[in-house]
Amino acid sequence: MSAIQRANRPQNSLYASRRSNGVPSFSLETLEQRAMLAANAWLSSGNLYIVADSYGGSVEISTNWPDATSTSRYQSANNYAISAAAIGSASNTWGWSIGSPSLAVTGVSPNGNIHRNFDMSTIDQIFFFGSSDSDLVTNHTSVPSTMYGFGGDDVLVGGAARDRLYGGNDHDKLRGNGGDDDLQGGSGNDVIHGDSGNDVLSGDSGNDKLFAGSGRDYLHGGSNDDVLVSIDGDATDHLFGNSGNDSFWIDREVAWIFSATDKVRDASAFELSNNVHEVQRFENGDKSLDGDDLADPVDGRFYKDFSDRPLFADAGPSSLDMRQGAQADCWLISAMGSIAKADPNRIRQTVVDLGDGTYGVQLAGKFYRVDGDLPTDGPTTSNLVNAGFGQQNSIWLPIIEKAYTFKTVLTFAPPGTAAVYAMGGADTSLVYGDLGMSVDSLAATSASTTLFYLASQLRVGRAVTLYINTPAANCPCIGNHFYVVERVNFQGGRPVSVVLRNPWGRDGAGSDGLNDGLVTVSGNQLVASGAVVRSATV
C-alpha cells in the first residue's frame, strides 16, 4: 500500500489476504461467545492420529496457546505441540494447530475435555481425519502430515516437510508450504497453493484455482473450468487443464536469444488461442507472487485492501457489475460491461487473481500487476470512490480500472511519472482495441437503419456500446455518455426502441421509476441525440 492513510482491513471473517510482511495468510474469526468441543488423539507405531468429532465449530490457528495460563500449563521443552482451541459456531467450522515446542492435544466440549502430550522422539508422521463439517488445520512443524478434510469447507495447511492434503467434498483451501507436497482438492470449487517445493496440485471436480508457487510443480485442473497460475520467475512447471474451459497464466523466460515457458500439456485449440497467457514481465511490478505491497495511484485518497472480496460473482462477470464512480470513464466501464455481456470468457482472460492478494491484467498485449488496495471516501469506510463493487461484491471492474491508470502513465507519461486516476476523454473503441477486438461504427442518421443494425450486431454476439452526444429534449439519456446496448424491442416484426444500460448502475436522466440502470430509447431519439454505435468482435 502507498503511504496514504487507509482503513484497517476486516477482522472477523475468514479470508485469504496479505500480512504486513507480504506473506499470504488466513484471517480467522474471533473467539468470543463460542462453545468448546473435543476430539480424539493417540499415538501408534510412530504415527500420531487426530480424529475430529462430529460437532463442528472453529479454532484459533496459532503457534502459541490461546492464553498465558495454557502456555504455562502445557508447554514442554522436549515435545512438539498440537494445540486446539475449538469453538462452536453457527458457521460449523473448527480446527487444530500443530506447532512447537510442545506436542499437546487439547479439546473441550460439553461432552468432556481432552488433553494429551506426546514425546517428540516417538512421532514420525501426523494423520488428521476431519469431520463432515468445516475443518481448519495448520501444521507449523517439520513433521510430515497427512490430512483428510472430508465434508465441509475445509482449510488445510501443511508444514515444512512433505504433506499430503485431501480436501474431500465442498469448497476447500489447501496450502502446501514447504516440502514436496501432494495436494488434492476433491469435489467443489477449491483453492490450492503449492508454495515452495516441487508439488503436485490436483483440483479434481469443480471450478478450481491452482497456484504453483516456487519449485518444479505439476498442476492438474480436473473437470470444469479451472484457473492455473504458475508464474514464479522460472519456466519449469507443467500444467494440465483436463476437461472444461481452463485458463493458464504461465511464465515466459527470455535470456539473450533463448526463451522458455512453463509447459501447458493438454490445452484445446480454443484454449491455446484464447486462454494461455505467457507472462514475461509485468510492466509495473515483479513476478514474485509473495503478496507484494504494490504502489497505488497517487491521488490523495484513502486506500483499503479488498483482496478478501471475490474477483467475480458466482455467475461470472456481467454488465450487471457496472458501477461507475467518480471517474469520467463511462467509456471504460461500458466497454467492459458490453464485453462481459457478449462473452464473459473475454473478461476472465483479461484479469486474474494471482493468489497472493494481487491481480494480473492483460491490456494491449502487456501485463500489469496491481493489488487489492482501492480508494475509499474515508479512513474507516468501505465506500469505493471510483468503480464500485459488482454482484456479490465482486471487484473485477475496480481492478481493471486501477490497472488502466498504470497503462496510461506508462504509455503516455515521461518515465518516473506516478500513476493517477485521470480517466476522462476516451472512447470504448480504445478498450476494444486493447483487448484485440476489431471495431465497427455507425452514426445514427436513420431510426430504422440504426435499430436494425443494433439488433444484427447483438444477434451475432458482438459487444455493443452506444454514445449519446447531445440528448434530445425527450430522450431519457445523458449527454457525452456511453451506454451498453442490452436489447432491441420489436413490434410487428420491426424494431421500435433499444434498451440501454447506464454504467452508473442507475437510470440517471429520464428514470422509469425502477432505477435499475435500464432506459428505453426510440430510434428517432437516437437520431435526434446524435448517437454513435460502437460494435466489436469478441
Protein backbone atom coordinates (compact mmCIF):
# COMPACT_ATOMS: atom_id res chain seq x y z
CA MET A 1 0.00 0.00 0.00
CA SER A 2 1.11 3.57 -0.50
CA ALA A 3 1.95 5.91 2.33
CA ILE A 4 -1.50 7.44 2.03
CA GLN A 5 -3.67 6.89 5.08
CA ARG A 6 -6.01 3.94 4.71
CA ALA A 7 -8.58 1.99 6.69
CA ASN A 8 -7.97 -1.26 8.51
CA ARG A 9 -8.94 -4.50 6.81
CA PRO A 10 -11.85 -6.52 8.27
CA GLN A 11 -11.00 -8.70 11.26
CA ASN A 12 -13.94 -11.00 12.00
CA SER A 13 -14.21 -13.24 8.94
CA LEU A 14 -12.11 -15.98 7.42
CA TYR A 15 -10.47 -14.89 4.20
CA ALA A 16 -7.20 -15.13 2.30
CA SER A 17 -5.24 -11.88 2.42
CA ARG A 18 -1.76 -10.41 2.82
CA ARG A 19 0.03 -9.94 6.12
CA SER A 20 2.03 -6.78 6.72
CA ASN A 21 5.16 -8.72 5.81
CA GLY A 22 3.67 -9.66 2.44
CA VAL A 23 3.12 -13.36 3.21
CA PRO A 24 -0.33 -14.67 2.30
CA SER A 25 -2.28 -15.82 5.35
CA PHE A 26 -5.74 -16.73 6.59
CA SER A 27 -7.55 -14.36 8.93
CA LEU A 28 -9.79 -16.07 11.48
CA GLU A 29 -12.99 -15.39 13.34
CA THR A 30 -12.66 -14.17 16.93
CA LEU A 31 -13.27 -16.50 19.87
CA GLU A 32 -15.97 -14.64 21.80
CA GLN A 33 -19.33 -16.25 22.54
CA ARG A 34 -18.41 -19.73 21.30
CA ALA A 35 -18.68 -23.13 22.98
CA MET A 36 -15.76 -25.57 23.12
CA LEU A 37 -15.58 -29.03 21.55
CA ALA A 38 -13.42 -32.14 21.80
CA ALA A 39 -11.59 -34.57 19.53
CA ASN A 40 -9.50 -37.68 19.98
CA ALA A 41 -5.75 -38.22 19.54
CA TRP A 42 -3.48 -41.21 20.04
CA LEU A 43 -0.01 -42.49 19.08
CA SER A 44 0.57 -45.83 17.36
CA SER A 45 3.82 -47.13 15.83
CA GLY A 46 5.23 -43.65 15.31
CA ASN A 47 2.04 -42.24 13.84
CA LEU A 48 0.05 -39.58 15.67
CA TYR A 49 -3.65 -39.83 14.80
CA ILE A 50 -6.05 -36.95 15.36
CA VAL A 51 -9.74 -37.55 14.70
CA ALA A 52 -12.33 -34.80 14.79
CA ASP A 53 -15.65 -35.40 16.48
CA SER A 54 -18.93 -34.63 14.76
CA TYR A 55 -19.73 -31.28 16.35
CA GLY A 56 -18.15 -28.61 14.19
CA GLY A 57 -17.09 -25.13 15.28
CA SER A 58 -13.99 -23.03 14.68
CA VAL A 59 -10.46 -22.84 16.07
CA GLU A 60 -7.70 -20.31 16.58
CA ILE A 61 -4.74 -21.16 14.33
CA SER A 62 -1.53 -20.20 16.10
CA THR A 63 1.85 -21.48 17.17
CA ASN A 64 1.02 -20.08 20.62
CA TRP A 65 -1.51 -21.17 23.19
CA PRO A 66 -4.71 -19.12 23.42
CA ASP A 67 -3.70 -17.58 26.78
CA ALA A 68 -0.86 -17.39 29.27
CA THR A 69 -2.44 -20.00 31.58
CA SER A 70 -2.48 -22.57 28.82
CA THR A 71 1.13 -21.80 27.90
CA SER A 72 2.50 -22.32 31.41
CA ARG A 73 0.34 -25.38 31.95
CA TYR A 74 1.07 -27.39 28.81
CA GLN A 75 4.38 -26.39 27.21
CA SER A 76 7.19 -28.92 27.28
CA ALA A 77 10.73 -28.36 26.03
CA ASN A 78 11.01 -31.98 24.84
CA ASN A 79 7.79 -32.23 22.85
CA TYR A 80 6.15 -30.81 19.74
CA ALA A 81 2.72 -29.27 20.19
CA ILE A 82 -0.75 -29.70 18.80
CA SER A 83 -2.98 -27.09 20.37
CA ALA A 84 -6.71 -26.96 19.74
CA ALA A 85 -8.92 -24.13 20.97
CA ALA A 86 -12.12 -25.34 19.39
CA ILE A 87 -15.13 -23.11 19.37
CA GLY A 88 -18.70 -23.92 18.48
CA SER A 89 -20.26 -21.70 15.84
CA ALA A 90 -23.32 -21.48 13.63
CA SER A 91 -20.88 -21.48 10.71
CA ASN A 92 -19.91 -25.09 11.55
CA THR A 93 -16.15 -24.68 11.24
CA TRP A 94 -13.46 -25.97 13.59
CA GLY A 95 -9.75 -26.77 13.57
CA TRP A 96 -6.37 -27.70 15.04
CA SER A 97 -2.99 -26.01 15.32
CA ILE A 98 0.19 -28.08 15.18
CA GLY A 99 3.23 -26.15 16.39
CA SER A 100 6.29 -26.13 18.64
CA PRO A 101 7.84 -26.52 21.15
CA SER A 102 5.38 -28.99 22.78
CA LEU A 103 3.11 -31.54 21.19
CA ALA A 104 -0.14 -31.47 23.12
CA VAL A 105 -3.68 -32.27 22.03
CA THR A 106 -6.33 -30.22 23.83
CA GLY A 107 -10.05 -30.12 23.21
CA VAL A 108 -13.05 -29.09 25.26
CA SER A 109 -16.75 -29.71 24.70
CA PRO A 110 -19.96 -30.24 26.68
CA ASN A 111 -19.15 -33.95 26.47
CA GLY A 112 -15.86 -33.57 28.31
CA ASN A 113 -12.34 -32.20 27.97
CA ILE A 114 -9.33 -33.82 26.37
CA HIS A 115 -5.62 -33.07 26.76
CA ARG A 116 -2.73 -35.27 25.65
CA ASN A 117 1.06 -34.76 25.47
CA PHE A 118 3.29 -36.84 23.20
CA ASP A 119 7.04 -37.39 23.18
CA MET A 120 8.56 -35.76 20.13
CA SER A 121 11.04 -38.55 19.53
CA THR A 122 8.25 -41.09 19.09
CA ILE A 123 6.41 -39.27 16.27
CA ASP A 124 7.26 -39.89 12.61
CA GLN A 125 4.09 -38.63 10.96
CA ILE A 126 0.83 -36.88 11.79
CA PHE A 127 -2.54 -38.01 10.46
CA PHE A 128 -5.64 -35.85 10.71
CA PHE A 129 -9.15 -37.11 9.93
CA GLY A 130 -11.75 -34.37 9.67
CA SER A 131 -15.47 -34.27 10.18
CA SER A 132 -18.40 -33.74 7.84
CA ASP A 133 -18.30 -30.09 8.91
CA SER A 134 -15.66 -27.49 8.03
CA ASP A 135 -12.24 -28.28 9.50
CA LEU A 136 -9.39 -25.85 9.94
CA VAL A 137 -5.94 -27.42 10.37
CA THR A 138 -2.45 -25.91 10.30
CA ASN A 139 0.84 -27.80 10.66
CA HIS A 140 3.61 -25.47 11.87
CA THR A 141 6.16 -28.27 12.39
CA SER A 142 8.64 -30.15 10.22
CA VAL A 143 6.80 -33.42 10.90
CA PRO A 144 5.20 -34.78 7.70
CA SER A 145 1.42 -34.78 7.82
CA THR A 146 -1.47 -36.38 6.01
CA MET A 147 -4.81 -34.60 6.36
CA TYR A 148 -8.29 -35.58 5.22
CA GLY A 149 -10.87 -32.83 5.36
CA PHE A 150 -13.83 -34.95 4.22
CA GLY A 151 -17.03 -32.86 4.08
CA GLY A 152 -17.39 -29.14 4.71
CA ASP A 153 -15.39 -26.16 3.52
CA ASP A 154 -12.00 -27.12 4.93
CA VAL A 155 -8.76 -25.18 5.33
CA LEU A 156 -5.74 -27.49 5.44
CA VAL A 157 -2.23 -26.04 5.73
CA GLY A 158 0.89 -28.19 5.58
CA GLY A 159 4.21 -27.69 7.33
CA ALA A 160 7.88 -27.60 6.38
CA ALA A 161 8.10 -31.27 5.39
CA ARG A 162 6.25 -33.28 2.76
CA ASP A 163 2.50 -33.13 3.31
CA ARG A 164 -0.45 -34.89 1.72
CA LEU A 165 -3.63 -32.85 1.94
CA TYR A 166 -7.02 -34.10 0.73
CA GLY A 167 -9.87 -31.62 0.87
CA GLY A 168 -12.73 -34.01 0.10
CA ASN A 169 -16.18 -32.65 -0.65
CA ASP A 170 -17.24 -28.98 -0.74
CA HIS A 171 -15.09 -25.88 -1.26
CA ASP A 172 -11.67 -26.30 0.31
CA LYS A 173 -8.48 -24.25 0.70
CA LEU A 174 -5.18 -26.13 0.73
CA ARG A 175 -1.64 -24.80 1.26
CA GLY A 176 1.48 -26.91 0.97
CA ASN A 177 4.02 -24.50 2.49
CA GLY A 178 7.47 -26.17 2.49
CA GLY A 179 8.37 -29.62 1.22
CA ASP A 180 7.33 -31.59 -1.85
CA ASP A 181 3.60 -31.82 -1.31
CA ASP A 182 0.65 -33.69 -2.80
CA LEU A 183 -2.48 -31.51 -2.64
CA GLN A 184 -5.86 -32.77 -3.84
CA GLY A 185 -8.95 -30.61 -3.64
CA GLY A 186 -11.63 -33.22 -4.28
CA SER A 187 -15.09 -32.09 -5.34
CA GLY A 188 -16.13 -28.45 -5.04
CA ASN A 189 -14.55 -25.15 -6.03
CA ASP A 190 -11.15 -25.42 -4.37
CA VAL A 191 -8.22 -23.02 -3.93
CA ILE A 192 -4.83 -24.74 -3.80
CA HIS A 193 -1.38 -23.21 -3.19
CA GLY A 194 1.75 -25.28 -3.66
CA ASP A 195 4.10 -22.67 -2.14
CA SER A 196 7.75 -23.79 -2.04
CA GLY A 197 8.93 -27.24 -3.05
CA ASN A 198 8.20 -29.49 -6.00
CA ASP A 199 4.48 -30.03 -5.60
CA VAL A 200 1.61 -31.83 -7.30
CA LEU A 201 -1.68 -29.91 -7.24
CA SER A 202 -4.95 -31.53 -8.31
CA GLY A 203 -8.21 -29.61 -8.37
CA ASP A 204 -10.39 -32.61 -9.27
CA SER A 205 -14.03 -31.68 -9.97
CA GLY A 206 -15.29 -28.11 -9.59
CA ASN A 207 -14.11 -24.69 -10.74
CA ASP A 208 -10.72 -24.65 -9.03
CA LYS A 209 -7.86 -22.17 -8.66
CA LEU A 210 -4.35 -23.64 -8.58
CA PHE A 211 -1.25 -21.59 -7.72
CA ALA A 212 2.07 -23.33 -8.24
CA GLY A 213 4.48 -21.29 -6.13
CA SER A 214 8.23 -21.82 -6.41
CA GLY A 215 9.80 -25.09 -7.45
CA ARG A 216 9.01 -27.51 -10.26
CA ASP A 217 5.30 -28.15 -9.95
CA TYR A 218 2.62 -30.19 -11.71
CA LEU A 219 -0.85 -28.67 -11.86
CA HIS A 220 -3.94 -30.70 -12.80
CA GLY A 221 -7.17 -28.74 -13.03
CA GLY A 222 -9.57 -31.67 -13.24
CA SER A 223 -13.08 -31.30 -14.60
CA ASN A 224 -14.96 -27.98 -15.01
CA ASP A 225 -13.46 -24.53 -15.60
CA ASP A 226 -10.20 -24.02 -13.73
CA VAL A 227 -7.59 -21.28 -13.38
CA LEU A 228 -3.97 -22.46 -13.28
CA VAL A 229 -1.26 -19.93 -12.34
CA SER A 230 2.41 -20.95 -12.48
CA ILE A 231 4.10 -17.53 -12.51
CA ASP A 232 7.17 -17.72 -10.26
CA GLY A 233 10.14 -16.48 -12.29
CA ASP A 234 11.19 -19.79 -13.80
CA ALA A 235 9.80 -21.94 -16.60
CA THR A 236 9.85 -25.44 -15.13
CA ASP A 237 6.20 -26.12 -14.33
CA HIS A 238 3.78 -28.47 -16.12
CA LEU A 239 0.09 -27.65 -16.43
CA PHE A 240 -2.81 -29.93 -17.33
CA GLY A 241 -6.20 -28.29 -17.55
CA ASN A 242 -8.03 -31.57 -18.14
CA SER A 243 -11.68 -31.11 -19.14
CA GLY A 244 -13.54 -27.79 -19.11
CA ASN A 245 -12.66 -24.30 -20.31
CA ASP A 246 -9.44 -23.64 -18.41
CA SER A 247 -7.22 -20.57 -18.09
CA PHE A 248 -3.42 -20.73 -17.94
CA TRP A 249 -1.22 -17.88 -16.69
CA ILE A 250 2.35 -19.07 -17.07
CA ASP A 251 5.99 -17.94 -17.07
CA ARG A 252 7.87 -16.93 -20.17
CA GLU A 253 11.58 -16.54 -19.50
CA VAL A 254 13.91 -14.92 -22.05
CA ALA A 255 17.72 -14.89 -21.90
CA TRP A 256 19.59 -13.48 -24.87
CA ILE A 257 18.20 -15.30 -27.90
CA PHE A 258 16.76 -18.17 -25.87
CA SER A 259 13.29 -18.39 -24.39
CA ALA A 260 11.32 -20.95 -22.43
CA THR A 261 7.85 -21.23 -20.96
CA ASP A 262 6.05 -23.40 -18.48
CA LYS A 263 4.53 -26.34 -20.34
CA VAL A 264 0.78 -26.43 -20.98
CA ARG A 265 0.32 -30.08 -21.81
CA ASP A 266 -3.28 -30.60 -22.87
CA ALA A 267 -4.86 -27.29 -23.90
CA SER A 268 -7.54 -27.43 -26.58
CA ALA A 269 -7.22 -25.40 -29.78
CA PHE A 270 -9.61 -22.82 -28.33
CA GLU A 271 -7.64 -22.60 -25.07
CA LEU A 272 -4.33 -22.23 -26.93
CA SER A 273 -5.75 -19.34 -28.95
CA ASN A 274 -7.59 -17.55 -26.16
CA ASN A 275 -6.76 -18.80 -22.66
CA VAL A 276 -2.97 -19.21 -22.46
CA HIS A 277 -1.12 -16.14 -21.16
CA GLU A 278 2.69 -16.16 -21.32
CA VAL A 279 3.93 -13.55 -18.85
CA GLN A 280 7.49 -12.45 -19.46
CA ARG A 281 7.16 -9.49 -17.14
CA PHE A 282 4.68 -7.15 -15.50
CA GLU A 283 5.09 -3.58 -16.70
CA ASN A 284 4.76 -2.17 -13.19
CA GLY A 285 5.89 -4.96 -10.85
CA ASP A 286 7.96 -8.10 -10.44
CA LYS A 287 6.88 -11.72 -10.91
CA SER A 288 7.46 -12.91 -7.35
CA LEU A 289 3.92 -13.59 -6.20
CA ASP A 290 4.56 -13.20 -2.50
CA GLY A 291 1.98 -10.62 -1.51
CA ASP A 292 3.98 -7.58 -2.58
CA ASP A 293 2.77 -4.23 -1.32
CA LEU A 294 2.45 -2.66 -4.76
CA ALA A 295 2.32 1.06 -5.47
CA ASP A 296 -1.11 2.67 -5.65
CA PRO A 297 -2.10 5.63 -7.82
CA VAL A 298 -1.17 8.90 -6.13
CA ASP A 299 -4.39 10.87 -5.80
CA GLY A 300 -4.71 11.79 -2.12
CA ARG A 301 -7.36 9.17 -1.39
CA PHE A 302 -7.68 6.71 1.46
CA TYR A 303 -6.87 3.16 0.37
CA LYS A 304 -8.21 -0.07 1.79
CA ASP A 305 -7.38 -3.66 0.93
CA PHE A 306 -10.31 -5.51 -0.67
CA SER A 307 -8.46 -8.65 -1.71
CA ASP A 308 -10.86 -10.63 0.52
CA ARG A 309 -13.67 -9.86 -1.96
CA PRO A 310 -14.29 -12.21 -4.91
CA LEU A 311 -12.88 -11.22 -8.27
CA PHE A 312 -16.05 -12.48 -9.96
CA ALA A 313 -19.52 -13.30 -8.71
CA ASP A 314 -20.56 -16.96 -8.80
CA ALA A 315 -22.37 -16.39 -12.10
CA GLY A 316 -19.28 -14.74 -13.60
CA PRO A 317 -18.73 -11.23 -14.95
CA SER A 318 -21.73 -9.44 -16.44
CA SER A 319 -22.98 -5.96 -17.35
CA LEU A 320 -24.83 -6.01 -14.00
CA ASP A 321 -21.44 -5.46 -12.33
CA MET A 322 -21.11 -1.91 -13.68
CA ARG A 323 -20.94 0.82 -11.03
CA GLN A 324 -19.15 3.85 -12.46
CA GLY A 325 -17.84 6.12 -9.73
CA ALA A 326 -16.12 9.50 -9.57
CA GLN A 327 -14.05 8.99 -12.71
CA ALA A 328 -15.40 10.15 -16.09
CA ASP A 329 -14.68 6.71 -17.53
CA CYS A 330 -18.04 5.62 -18.88
CA TRP A 331 -16.03 4.56 -21.94
CA LEU A 332 -14.08 2.00 -19.88
CA ILE A 333 -16.92 0.74 -17.69
CA SER A 334 -19.38 0.47 -20.60
CA ALA A 335 -16.88 -1.27 -22.86
CA MET A 336 -16.05 -3.84 -20.19
CA GLY A 337 -19.75 -4.30 -19.39
CA SER A 338 -20.58 -4.89 -23.05
CA ILE A 339 -17.79 -7.46 -23.35
CA ALA A 340 -18.96 -9.23 -20.20
CA LYS A 341 -22.47 -9.37 -21.65
CA ALA A 342 -21.32 -10.75 -25.02
CA ASP A 343 -18.58 -13.12 -23.85
CA PRO A 344 -17.71 -13.42 -20.14
CA ASN A 345 -14.66 -15.52 -21.03
CA ARG A 346 -13.05 -12.42 -22.57
CA ILE A 347 -13.15 -10.77 -19.16
CA ARG A 348 -11.83 -13.90 -17.44
CA GLN A 349 -8.88 -13.81 -19.86
CA THR A 350 -8.24 -10.13 -19.14
CA VAL A 351 -7.94 -10.18 -15.34
CA VAL A 352 -6.84 -12.97 -12.98
CA ASP A 353 -6.45 -13.46 -9.25
CA LEU A 354 -2.77 -14.31 -8.72
CA GLY A 355 -3.44 -15.87 -5.32
CA ASP A 356 -1.38 -13.54 -3.15
CA GLY A 357 -3.67 -10.54 -2.85
CA THR A 358 -2.55 -9.18 -6.22
CA TYR A 359 -4.05 -9.41 -9.70
CA GLY A 360 -2.78 -9.66 -13.25
CA VAL A 361 -4.40 -7.62 -16.03
CA GLN A 362 -3.60 -8.04 -19.73
CA LEU A 363 -4.09 -4.91 -21.86
CA ALA A 364 -2.79 -4.29 -25.39
CA GLY A 365 -0.55 -7.36 -25.22
CA LYS A 366 1.14 -6.25 -22.00
CA PHE A 367 0.68 -7.38 -18.41
CA TYR A 368 0.07 -5.19 -15.38
CA ARG A 369 0.01 -6.23 -11.74
CA VAL A 370 -2.00 -4.42 -9.07
CA ASP A 371 -3.01 -5.26 -5.53
CA GLY A 372 -6.43 -5.12 -3.91
CA ASP A 373 -5.97 -1.65 -2.41
CA LEU A 374 -8.81 0.52 -3.72
CA PRO A 375 -9.64 4.19 -2.98
CA THR A 376 -12.43 4.86 -0.47
CA ASP A 377 -14.14 8.02 0.75
CA GLY A 378 -12.77 7.82 4.30
CA PRO A 379 -10.26 6.10 6.59
CA THR A 380 -12.78 3.67 8.08
CA THR A 381 -15.32 3.16 5.30
CA SER A 382 -15.67 0.61 2.52
CA ASN A 383 -17.33 3.03 0.11
CA LEU A 384 -15.38 2.92 -3.13
CA VAL A 385 -14.77 6.29 -4.76
CA ASN A 386 -14.28 5.09 -8.32
CA ALA A 387 -15.64 1.91 -9.93
CA GLY A 388 -17.80 0.15 -7.35
CA PHE A 389 -18.47 -3.41 -6.29
CA GLY A 390 -20.31 -5.66 -8.71
CA GLN A 391 -22.60 -8.57 -7.97
CA GLN A 392 -21.68 -10.35 -4.70
CA ASN A 393 -19.16 -7.54 -4.03
CA SER A 394 -17.01 -8.64 -6.95
CA ILE A 395 -14.06 -6.37 -7.80
CA TRP A 396 -13.00 -7.21 -11.36
CA LEU A 397 -14.03 -3.78 -12.70
CA PRO A 398 -12.26 -1.73 -9.97
CA ILE A 399 -9.14 -3.87 -10.50
CA ILE A 400 -9.15 -3.31 -14.27
CA GLU A 401 -9.80 0.40 -13.74
CA LYS A 402 -6.78 0.57 -11.43
CA ALA A 403 -4.62 -1.27 -13.96
CA TYR A 404 -5.60 1.28 -16.60
CA THR A 405 -4.06 4.06 -14.52
CA PHE A 406 -0.68 2.31 -14.84
CA LYS A 407 -1.18 1.53 -18.52
CA THR A 408 -1.94 5.20 -19.19
CA VAL A 409 1.03 6.62 -17.31
CA LEU A 410 3.49 4.05 -18.68
CA THR A 411 2.25 4.60 -22.23
CA PHE A 412 1.93 8.38 -22.39
CA ALA A 413 3.82 9.99 -19.49
CA PRO A 414 7.57 10.57 -19.03
CA PRO A 415 9.45 7.81 -17.16
CA GLY A 416 9.09 8.03 -13.40
CA THR A 417 5.67 9.68 -13.51
CA ALA A 418 3.34 8.37 -10.80
CA ALA A 419 0.03 6.82 -11.81
CA VAL A 420 -3.13 8.79 -11.03
CA TYR A 421 -6.83 8.25 -11.56
CA ALA A 422 -7.46 10.58 -14.54
CA MET A 423 -9.71 8.56 -16.78
CA GLY A 424 -11.78 11.01 -18.83
CA GLY A 425 -11.94 11.76 -22.52
CA ALA A 426 -11.57 8.35 -24.19
CA ASP A 427 -13.76 6.04 -26.28
CA THR A 428 -14.95 2.45 -25.97
CA SER A 429 -13.04 1.68 -29.17
CA LEU A 430 -9.81 2.13 -27.17
CA VAL A 431 -10.81 -0.64 -24.77
CA TYR A 432 -11.92 -2.94 -27.56
CA GLY A 433 -8.58 -2.41 -29.27
CA ASP A 434 -6.67 -3.09 -26.05
CA LEU A 435 -8.39 -6.47 -25.88
CA GLY A 436 -7.56 -7.26 -29.51
CA MET A 437 -11.08 -6.77 -30.82
CA SER A 438 -11.93 -5.23 -34.19
CA VAL A 439 -14.41 -2.34 -34.06
CA ASP A 440 -17.15 -1.12 -36.40
CA SER A 441 -19.03 2.16 -36.02
CA LEU A 442 -22.33 3.63 -37.18
CA ALA A 443 -23.66 7.16 -36.77
CA ALA A 444 -27.41 7.26 -36.14
CA THR A 445 -28.81 9.10 -39.18
CA SER A 446 -31.84 6.83 -39.75
CA ALA A 447 -34.04 5.46 -36.97
CA SER A 448 -34.88 2.13 -38.60
CA THR A 449 -31.39 1.58 -40.01
CA THR A 450 -29.81 2.21 -36.61
CA LEU A 451 -32.19 -0.13 -34.76
CA PHE A 452 -31.82 -2.91 -37.34
CA TYR A 453 -28.04 -2.52 -37.13
CA LEU A 454 -28.07 -2.77 -33.34
CA ALA A 455 -30.24 -5.89 -33.47
CA SER A 456 -27.98 -7.53 -36.05
CA GLN A 457 -24.84 -6.85 -34.00
CA LEU A 458 -26.35 -8.31 -30.84
CA ARG A 459 -27.64 -11.32 -32.77
CA VAL A 460 -24.14 -12.36 -33.84
CA GLY A 461 -22.78 -11.95 -30.30
CA ARG A 462 -20.81 -8.74 -30.62
CA ALA A 463 -20.09 -6.30 -27.79
CA VAL A 464 -22.11 -3.16 -28.48
CA THR A 465 -22.00 0.28 -26.86
CA LEU A 466 -23.81 3.46 -27.82
CA TYR A 467 -22.66 7.04 -27.34
CA ILE A 468 -25.16 9.85 -26.76
CA ASN A 469 -23.81 13.20 -27.90
CA THR A 470 -26.38 15.88 -27.01
CA PRO A 471 -29.64 14.29 -25.81
CA ALA A 472 -32.87 15.39 -27.46
CA ALA A 473 -35.36 17.12 -25.19
CA ASN A 474 -37.49 14.00 -24.79
CA CYS A 475 -34.65 11.45 -24.63
CA PRO A 476 -34.25 9.68 -21.22
CA CYS A 477 -30.50 9.74 -21.61
CA ILE A 478 -27.34 11.61 -20.59
CA GLY A 479 -25.13 13.62 -22.92
CA ASN A 480 -21.47 12.83 -23.64
CA HIS A 481 -22.05 9.37 -22.22
CA PHE A 482 -21.57 5.73 -23.28
CA TYR A 483 -24.18 3.04 -22.60
CA VAL A 484 -24.22 -0.73 -23.02
CA VAL A 485 -26.76 -1.90 -25.60
CA GLU A 486 -28.79 -4.63 -23.90
CA ARG A 487 -31.54 -5.45 -26.42
CA VAL A 488 -33.75 -4.12 -29.22
CA ASN A 489 -37.53 -4.14 -28.83
CA PHE A 490 -39.66 -5.25 -31.81
CA GLN A 491 -43.33 -4.75 -32.67
CA GLY A 492 -44.91 -6.43 -35.68
CA GLY A 493 -41.52 -7.61 -36.86
CA ARG A 494 -39.99 -4.13 -36.88
CA PRO A 495 -37.61 -2.57 -34.32
CA VAL A 496 -39.10 0.30 -32.34
CA SER A 497 -36.67 1.03 -29.50
CA VAL A 498 -33.47 -0.02 -27.79
CA VAL A 499 -32.83 -0.80 -24.11
CA LEU A 500 -29.61 0.77 -22.82
CA ARG A 501 -27.80 0.05 -19.55
CA ASN A 502 -26.23 3.03 -17.82
CA PRO A 503 -22.74 2.22 -16.43
CA TRP A 504 -23.69 4.22 -13.35
CA GLY A 505 -25.83 1.27 -12.25
CA ARG A 506 -28.87 3.55 -12.02
CA ASP A 507 -31.12 5.20 -14.59
CA GLY A 508 -29.86 8.77 -14.48
CA ALA A 509 -31.93 11.07 -16.69
CA GLY A 510 -35.47 10.01 -17.53
CA SER A 511 -35.83 7.30 -14.89
CA ASP A 512 -38.80 4.97 -15.39
CA GLY A 513 -39.13 4.58 -11.61
CA LEU A 514 -37.25 1.29 -11.30
CA ASN A 515 -33.82 2.95 -11.16
CA ASP A 516 -32.26 -0.30 -12.37
CA GLY A 517 -29.88 1.35 -14.82
CA LEU A 518 -32.03 0.47 -17.84
CA VAL A 519 -33.58 3.15 -20.08
CA THR A 520 -35.57 2.69 -23.29
CA VAL A 521 -34.82 4.99 -26.23
CA SER A 522 -36.60 5.15 -29.59
CA GLY A 523 -34.86 5.21 -32.93
CA ASN A 524 -35.95 8.79 -33.54
CA GLN A 525 -34.50 9.82 -30.18
CA LEU A 526 -31.19 8.21 -31.13
CA VAL A 527 -31.04 10.21 -34.35
CA ALA A 528 -32.01 13.46 -32.62
CA SER A 529 -29.39 12.86 -29.91
CA GLY A 530 -26.50 12.34 -32.34
CA ALA A 531 -25.96 8.76 -31.21
CA VAL A 532 -22.95 6.74 -32.40
CA VAL A 533 -22.71 2.94 -32.23
CA ARG A 534 -19.51 1.03 -31.45
CA SER A 535 -19.64 -2.71 -32.17
CA ALA A 536 -16.74 -5.09 -31.54
CA THR A 537 -15.96 -8.74 -32.16
CA VAL A 538 -15.35 -10.89 -29.11
